[in-house]
Amino acid sequence: MKEITSAQFDSEVLHCDVPVLVDFYTEHCHPCRQMSPLLDQVEQESGGALKVVKIDAAAEGQFTASFHVVSVPTFVLFHRGQRLAQLTGARSKKQLTKWLEETIQRPR
């Protein structure tokens, strides 16, 4: 999982060929720290079918607010430049994986 800034958002998220899960987090958020290893696992287990990046919501406050992130962790899923869905709060790996699969497979 790669940490990015708002300056890297277009190239790392919007112009990516695979779905990208953006994790908005803060350093002092305990649930955010709990989610980090799960997100790494989900990304690795996807075999390249999913990319996960994280953005420090405190350091990128104005950018974060543009996505209506009001608490952390918040996850926003993008694919081919489109925002598909948003999920707030820590989840189990099973819950997160199910949400990702259902959201990615949903017809557009």
N, C-alpha and C. Protein backbone atom coordinates (compact mmCIF):
# COMPACT_ATOMS: atom_id res chain seq x y z
N MET A 1 0.86 -1.17 0.00
CA MET A 1 0.00 0.00 0.00
C MET A 1 0.90 1.23 0.00
N LYS A 2 0.61 2.12 -0.90
CA LYS A 2 1.43 3.30 -1.10
C LYS A 2 0.74 4.53 -0.51
N GLU A 3 1.49 5.38 0.18
CA GLU A 3 0.94 6.64 0.65
C GLU A 3 1.16 7.69 -0.42
N ILE A 4 0.09 8.43 -0.72
CA ILE A 4 0.18 9.47 -1.75
C ILE A 4 -0.31 10.80 -1.19
N THR A 5 -0.04 11.86 -1.94
CA THR A 5 -0.53 13.19 -1.61
C THR A 5 -1.57 13.59 -2.64
N SER A 6 -2.21 14.70 -2.40
CA SER A 6 -3.21 15.19 -3.36
C SER A 6 -2.58 15.47 -4.72
N ALA A 7 -1.30 15.86 -4.74
CA ALA A 7 -0.61 16.13 -5.99
C ALA A 7 -0.45 14.88 -6.85
N GLN A 8 -0.45 13.72 -6.23
CA GLN A 8 -0.28 12.45 -6.94
C GLN A 8 -1.61 11.78 -7.27
N PHE A 9 -2.70 12.34 -6.79
CA PHE A 9 -4.00 11.69 -6.88
C PHE A 9 -4.41 11.35 -8.32
N ASP A 10 -4.29 12.29 -9.23
CA ASP A 10 -4.70 12.04 -10.61
C ASP A 10 -3.93 10.87 -11.22
N SER A 11 -2.61 10.90 -11.10
CA SER A 11 -1.80 9.85 -11.72
C SER A 11 -1.94 8.50 -11.03
N GLU A 12 -2.05 8.50 -9.71
CA GLU A 12 -2.09 7.25 -8.95
C GLU A 12 -3.49 6.63 -8.86
N VAL A 13 -4.53 7.47 -8.95
CA VAL A 13 -5.89 6.97 -8.74
C VAL A 13 -6.74 7.10 -10.00
N LEU A 14 -6.90 8.30 -10.49
CA LEU A 14 -7.83 8.53 -11.60
C LEU A 14 -7.37 7.94 -12.93
N HIS A 15 -6.06 7.82 -13.13
CA HIS A 15 -5.54 7.31 -14.40
C HIS A 15 -5.03 5.88 -14.27
N CYS A 16 -5.56 5.14 -13.31
CA CYS A 16 -5.16 3.76 -13.09
C CYS A 16 -6.14 2.82 -13.81
N ASP A 17 -5.62 1.75 -14.39
CA ASP A 17 -6.45 0.81 -15.14
C ASP A 17 -7.23 -0.16 -14.25
N VAL A 18 -6.79 -0.35 -13.02
CA VAL A 18 -7.49 -1.26 -12.10
C VAL A 18 -8.22 -0.43 -11.05
N PRO A 19 -9.20 -1.00 -10.39
CA PRO A 19 -9.87 -0.28 -9.30
C PRO A 19 -8.86 0.14 -8.23
N VAL A 20 -9.09 1.31 -7.66
CA VAL A 20 -8.19 1.84 -6.62
C VAL A 20 -9.01 2.16 -5.38
N LEU A 21 -8.59 1.60 -4.26
CA LEU A 21 -9.20 1.90 -2.98
C LEU A 21 -8.34 2.94 -2.28
N VAL A 22 -8.94 4.09 -1.99
CA VAL A 22 -8.23 5.16 -1.30
C VAL A 22 -8.62 5.12 0.18
N ASP A 23 -7.63 4.99 1.04
CA ASP A 23 -7.82 4.95 2.48
C ASP A 23 -7.47 6.33 3.04
N PHE A 24 -8.49 7.08 3.47
CA PHE A 24 -8.25 8.36 4.15
C PHE A 24 -8.08 8.04 5.62
N TYR A 25 -6.94 8.37 6.17
CA TYR A 25 -6.60 8.00 7.54
C TYR A 25 -5.92 9.17 8.25
N THR A 26 -5.71 9.02 9.55
CA THR A 26 -4.83 9.92 10.29
C THR A 26 -3.89 9.08 11.14
N GLU A 27 -2.78 9.65 11.44
CA GLU A 27 -1.73 8.94 12.19
C GLU A 27 -2.19 8.51 13.58
N HIS A 28 -3.03 9.31 14.21
CA HIS A 28 -3.42 9.03 15.60
C HIS A 28 -4.74 8.25 15.71
N CYS A 29 -5.25 7.77 14.61
CA CYS A 29 -6.52 7.04 14.59
C CYS A 29 -6.24 5.54 14.81
N HIS A 30 -6.72 5.03 15.94
CA HIS A 30 -6.48 3.61 16.25
C HIS A 30 -7.16 2.68 15.23
N PRO A 31 -8.43 2.89 14.88
CA PRO A 31 -9.04 2.03 13.86
C PRO A 31 -8.29 2.08 12.52
N CYS A 32 -7.74 3.24 12.19
CA CYS A 32 -6.97 3.37 10.95
C CYS A 32 -5.74 2.46 10.99
N ARG A 33 -5.06 2.46 12.13
CA ARG A 33 -3.87 1.60 12.28
C ARG A 33 -4.26 0.13 12.23
N GLN A 34 -5.44 -0.21 12.76
CA GLN A 34 -5.91 -1.60 12.71
C GLN A 34 -6.20 -2.04 11.28
N MET A 35 -6.69 -1.13 10.47
CA MET A 35 -7.06 -1.46 9.09
C MET A 35 -5.85 -1.62 8.17
N SER A 36 -4.77 -0.96 8.49
CA SER A 36 -3.61 -0.93 7.59
C SER A 36 -3.12 -2.33 7.18
N PRO A 37 -2.89 -3.26 8.11
CA PRO A 37 -2.44 -4.58 7.67
C PRO A 37 -3.50 -5.34 6.87
N LEU A 38 -4.77 -5.12 7.17
CA LEU A 38 -5.84 -5.76 6.40
C LEU A 38 -5.85 -5.25 4.97
N LEU A 39 -5.66 -3.96 4.82
CA LEU A 39 -5.63 -3.37 3.48
C LEU A 39 -4.45 -3.90 2.67
N ASP A 40 -3.31 -4.05 3.34
CA ASP A 40 -2.13 -4.64 2.68
C ASP A 40 -2.45 -6.05 2.19
N GLN A 41 -3.09 -6.85 3.04
CA GLN A 41 -3.45 -8.22 2.68
C GLN A 41 -4.41 -8.25 1.50
N VAL A 42 -5.44 -7.41 1.56
CA VAL A 42 -6.44 -7.38 0.49
C VAL A 42 -5.77 -7.02 -0.84
N GLU A 43 -4.88 -6.04 -0.81
CA GLU A 43 -4.18 -5.64 -2.03
C GLU A 43 -3.31 -6.78 -2.55
N GLN A 44 -2.54 -7.39 -1.68
CA GLN A 44 -1.65 -8.49 -2.09
C GLN A 44 -2.44 -9.67 -2.63
N GLU A 45 -3.53 -10.01 -1.97
CA GLU A 45 -4.34 -11.16 -2.37
C GLU A 45 -5.10 -10.92 -3.67
N SER A 46 -5.23 -9.66 -4.07
CA SER A 46 -5.94 -9.36 -5.32
C SER A 46 -5.11 -9.72 -6.55
N GLY A 47 -3.83 -9.94 -6.35
CA GLY A 47 -2.97 -10.30 -7.48
C GLY A 47 -2.87 -9.23 -8.55
N GLY A 48 -2.93 -7.98 -8.13
CA GLY A 48 -2.83 -6.87 -9.08
C GLY A 48 -4.16 -6.38 -9.61
N ALA A 49 -5.26 -7.00 -9.17
CA ALA A 49 -6.59 -6.59 -9.64
C ALA A 49 -7.14 -5.41 -8.86
N LEU A 50 -6.45 -5.02 -7.79
CA LEU A 50 -6.85 -3.88 -6.96
C LEU A 50 -5.60 -3.18 -6.46
N LYS A 51 -5.66 -1.87 -6.48
CA LYS A 51 -4.58 -1.05 -5.94
C LYS A 51 -5.12 -0.33 -4.72
N VAL A 52 -4.32 -0.26 -3.65
CA VAL A 52 -4.72 0.45 -2.44
C VAL A 52 -3.71 1.55 -2.17
N VAL A 53 -4.21 2.76 -1.96
CA VAL A 53 -3.35 3.89 -1.59
C VAL A 53 -3.94 4.54 -0.35
N LYS A 54 -3.10 5.25 0.37
CA LYS A 54 -3.59 5.94 1.56
C LYS A 54 -3.22 7.41 1.48
N ILE A 55 -4.11 8.23 2.03
CA ILE A 55 -3.92 9.67 2.07
C ILE A 55 -4.12 10.13 3.50
N ASP A 56 -3.17 10.89 4.02
CA ASP A 56 -3.26 11.43 5.37
C ASP A 56 -4.31 12.54 5.38
N ALA A 57 -5.45 12.25 5.98
CA ALA A 57 -6.57 13.19 5.98
C ALA A 57 -6.24 14.49 6.71
N ALA A 58 -5.39 14.42 7.74
CA ALA A 58 -5.03 15.62 8.49
C ALA A 58 -4.10 16.51 7.67
N ALA A 59 -3.14 15.91 6.99
CA ALA A 59 -2.18 16.68 6.20
C ALA A 59 -2.81 17.21 4.92
N GLU A 60 -3.83 16.54 4.42
CA GLU A 60 -4.49 16.91 3.16
C GLU A 60 -5.93 17.33 3.43
N GLY A 61 -6.12 18.16 4.44
CA GLY A 61 -7.46 18.51 4.92
C GLY A 61 -8.42 19.05 3.88
N GLN A 62 -8.01 20.03 3.11
CA GLN A 62 -8.91 20.62 2.12
C GLN A 62 -9.25 19.61 1.02
N PHE A 63 -8.26 18.86 0.59
CA PHE A 63 -8.47 17.83 -0.42
C PHE A 63 -9.42 16.75 0.12
N THR A 64 -9.18 16.33 1.34
CA THR A 64 -10.01 15.31 2.00
C THR A 64 -11.45 15.78 2.10
N ALA A 65 -11.65 17.03 2.46
CA ALA A 65 -13.00 17.58 2.59
C ALA A 65 -13.75 17.57 1.26
N SER A 66 -13.03 17.68 0.16
CA SER A 66 -13.67 17.67 -1.15
C SER A 66 -14.34 16.32 -1.45
N PHE A 67 -13.97 15.29 -0.71
CA PHE A 67 -14.60 13.97 -0.86
C PHE A 67 -15.61 13.71 0.26
N HIS A 68 -15.94 14.74 1.01
CA HIS A 68 -16.92 14.65 2.09
C HIS A 68 -16.51 13.64 3.16
N VAL A 69 -15.21 13.57 3.42
CA VAL A 69 -14.70 12.70 4.47
C VAL A 69 -14.83 13.46 5.78
N VAL A 70 -15.67 12.95 6.68
CA VAL A 70 -15.88 13.62 7.96
C VAL A 70 -15.33 12.83 9.14
N SER A 71 -14.99 11.57 8.91
CA SER A 71 -14.34 10.78 9.95
C SER A 71 -13.44 9.75 9.27
N VAL A 72 -12.52 9.23 10.05
CA VAL A 72 -11.57 8.26 9.52
C VAL A 72 -11.65 6.98 10.34
N PRO A 73 -11.34 5.86 9.73
CA PRO A 73 -10.98 5.70 8.33
C PRO A 73 -12.19 5.80 7.41
N THR A 74 -11.95 6.38 6.26
CA THR A 74 -12.95 6.40 5.19
C THR A 74 -12.27 5.84 3.95
N PHE A 75 -12.99 4.96 3.27
CA PHE A 75 -12.47 4.31 2.07
C PHE A 75 -13.32 4.74 0.88
N VAL A 76 -12.65 5.18 -0.18
CA VAL A 76 -13.34 5.59 -1.39
C VAL A 76 -12.78 4.74 -2.53
N LEU A 77 -13.68 4.08 -3.25
CA LEU A 77 -13.28 3.21 -4.34
C LEU A 77 -13.47 3.91 -5.67
N PHE A 78 -12.42 3.90 -6.49
CA PHE A 78 -12.43 4.51 -7.82
C PHE A 78 -12.11 3.45 -8.86
N HIS A 79 -12.66 3.65 -10.06
CA HIS A 79 -12.29 2.80 -11.19
C HIS A 79 -12.42 3.62 -12.46
N ARG A 80 -11.34 3.64 -13.21
CA ARG A 80 -11.28 4.38 -14.47
C ARG A 80 -11.72 5.83 -14.31
N GLY A 81 -11.25 6.45 -13.24
CA GLY A 81 -11.52 7.86 -13.01
C GLY A 81 -12.85 8.17 -12.37
N GLN A 82 -13.67 7.15 -12.12
CA GLN A 82 -14.98 7.38 -11.52
C GLN A 82 -15.00 6.90 -10.07
N ARG A 83 -15.65 7.69 -9.27
CA ARG A 83 -15.86 7.34 -7.87
C ARG A 83 -17.04 6.36 -7.81
N LEU A 84 -16.78 5.15 -7.33
CA LEU A 84 -17.82 4.11 -7.31
C LEU A 84 -18.59 4.08 -6.00
N ALA A 85 -17.89 4.19 -4.89
CA ALA A 85 -18.55 4.07 -3.58
C ALA A 85 -17.64 4.56 -2.48
N GLN A 86 -18.26 4.78 -1.32
CA GLN A 86 -17.52 5.26 -0.16
C GLN A 86 -18.01 4.50 1.07
N LEU A 87 -17.09 4.17 1.96
CA LEU A 87 -17.38 3.42 3.17
C LEU A 87 -16.61 4.05 4.32
N THR A 88 -17.29 4.28 5.43
CA THR A 88 -16.63 4.89 6.58
C THR A 88 -16.61 3.91 7.75
N GLY A 89 -15.48 3.85 8.43
CA GLY A 89 -15.35 3.02 9.62
C GLY A 89 -14.58 1.74 9.36
N ALA A 90 -13.96 1.25 10.43
CA ALA A 90 -13.19 0.01 10.34
C ALA A 90 -14.13 -1.16 10.08
N ARG A 91 -13.63 -2.10 9.33
CA ARG A 91 -14.39 -3.31 8.98
C ARG A 91 -13.47 -4.52 9.11
N SER A 92 -14.06 -5.69 9.19
CA SER A 92 -13.26 -6.90 9.15
C SER A 92 -12.79 -7.10 7.70
N LYS A 93 -11.80 -7.93 7.54
CA LYS A 93 -11.30 -8.23 6.20
C LYS A 93 -12.41 -8.82 5.35
N LYS A 94 -13.21 -9.70 5.93
CA LYS A 94 -14.31 -10.34 5.20
C LYS A 94 -15.33 -9.30 4.74
N GLN A 95 -15.71 -8.37 5.63
CA GLN A 95 -16.67 -7.33 5.28
C GLN A 95 -16.13 -6.42 4.18
N LEU A 96 -14.87 -6.04 4.32
CA LEU A 96 -14.25 -5.15 3.34
C LEU A 96 -14.16 -5.83 1.97
N THR A 97 -13.73 -7.07 1.96
CA THR A 97 -13.61 -7.81 0.71
C THR A 97 -14.97 -7.97 0.03
N LYS A 98 -15.99 -8.28 0.80
CA LYS A 98 -17.35 -8.42 0.25
C LYS A 98 -17.82 -7.10 -0.36
N TRP A 99 -17.62 -5.99 0.36
CA TRP A 99 -18.01 -4.68 -0.14
C TRP A 99 -17.28 -4.36 -1.45
N LEU A 100 -15.98 -4.63 -1.49
CA LEU A 100 -15.21 -4.36 -2.70
C LEU A 100 -15.72 -5.19 -3.88
N GLU A 101 -15.90 -6.48 -3.66
CA GLU A 101 -16.36 -7.35 -4.73
C GLU A 101 -17.73 -6.92 -5.25
N GLU A 102 -18.65 -6.65 -4.35
CA GLU A 102 -20.00 -6.24 -4.76
C GLU A 102 -19.98 -4.92 -5.51
N THR A 103 -19.17 -3.99 -5.04
CA THR A 103 -19.11 -2.66 -5.65
C THR A 103 -18.46 -2.72 -7.03
N ILE A 104 -17.39 -3.47 -7.15
CA ILE A 104 -16.67 -3.55 -8.42
C ILE A 104 -17.51 -4.28 -9.46
N GLN A 105 -18.26 -5.28 -9.05
CA GLN A 105 -19.06 -6.08 -9.98
C GLN A 105 -20.39 -5.44 -10.34
N ARG A 106 -20.81 -4.42 -9.59
CA ARG A 106 -22.10 -3.76 -9.84
C ARG A 106 -22.10 -3.14 -11.23
N PRO A 107 -23.15 -3.39 -12.01
CA PRO A 107 -23.22 -2.77 -13.35
C PRO A 107 -23.28 -1.25 -13.26
N ARG A 108 -22.70 -0.60 -14.21
CA ARG A 108 -22.68 0.88 -14.27
C ARG A 108 -23.60 1.36 -15.36
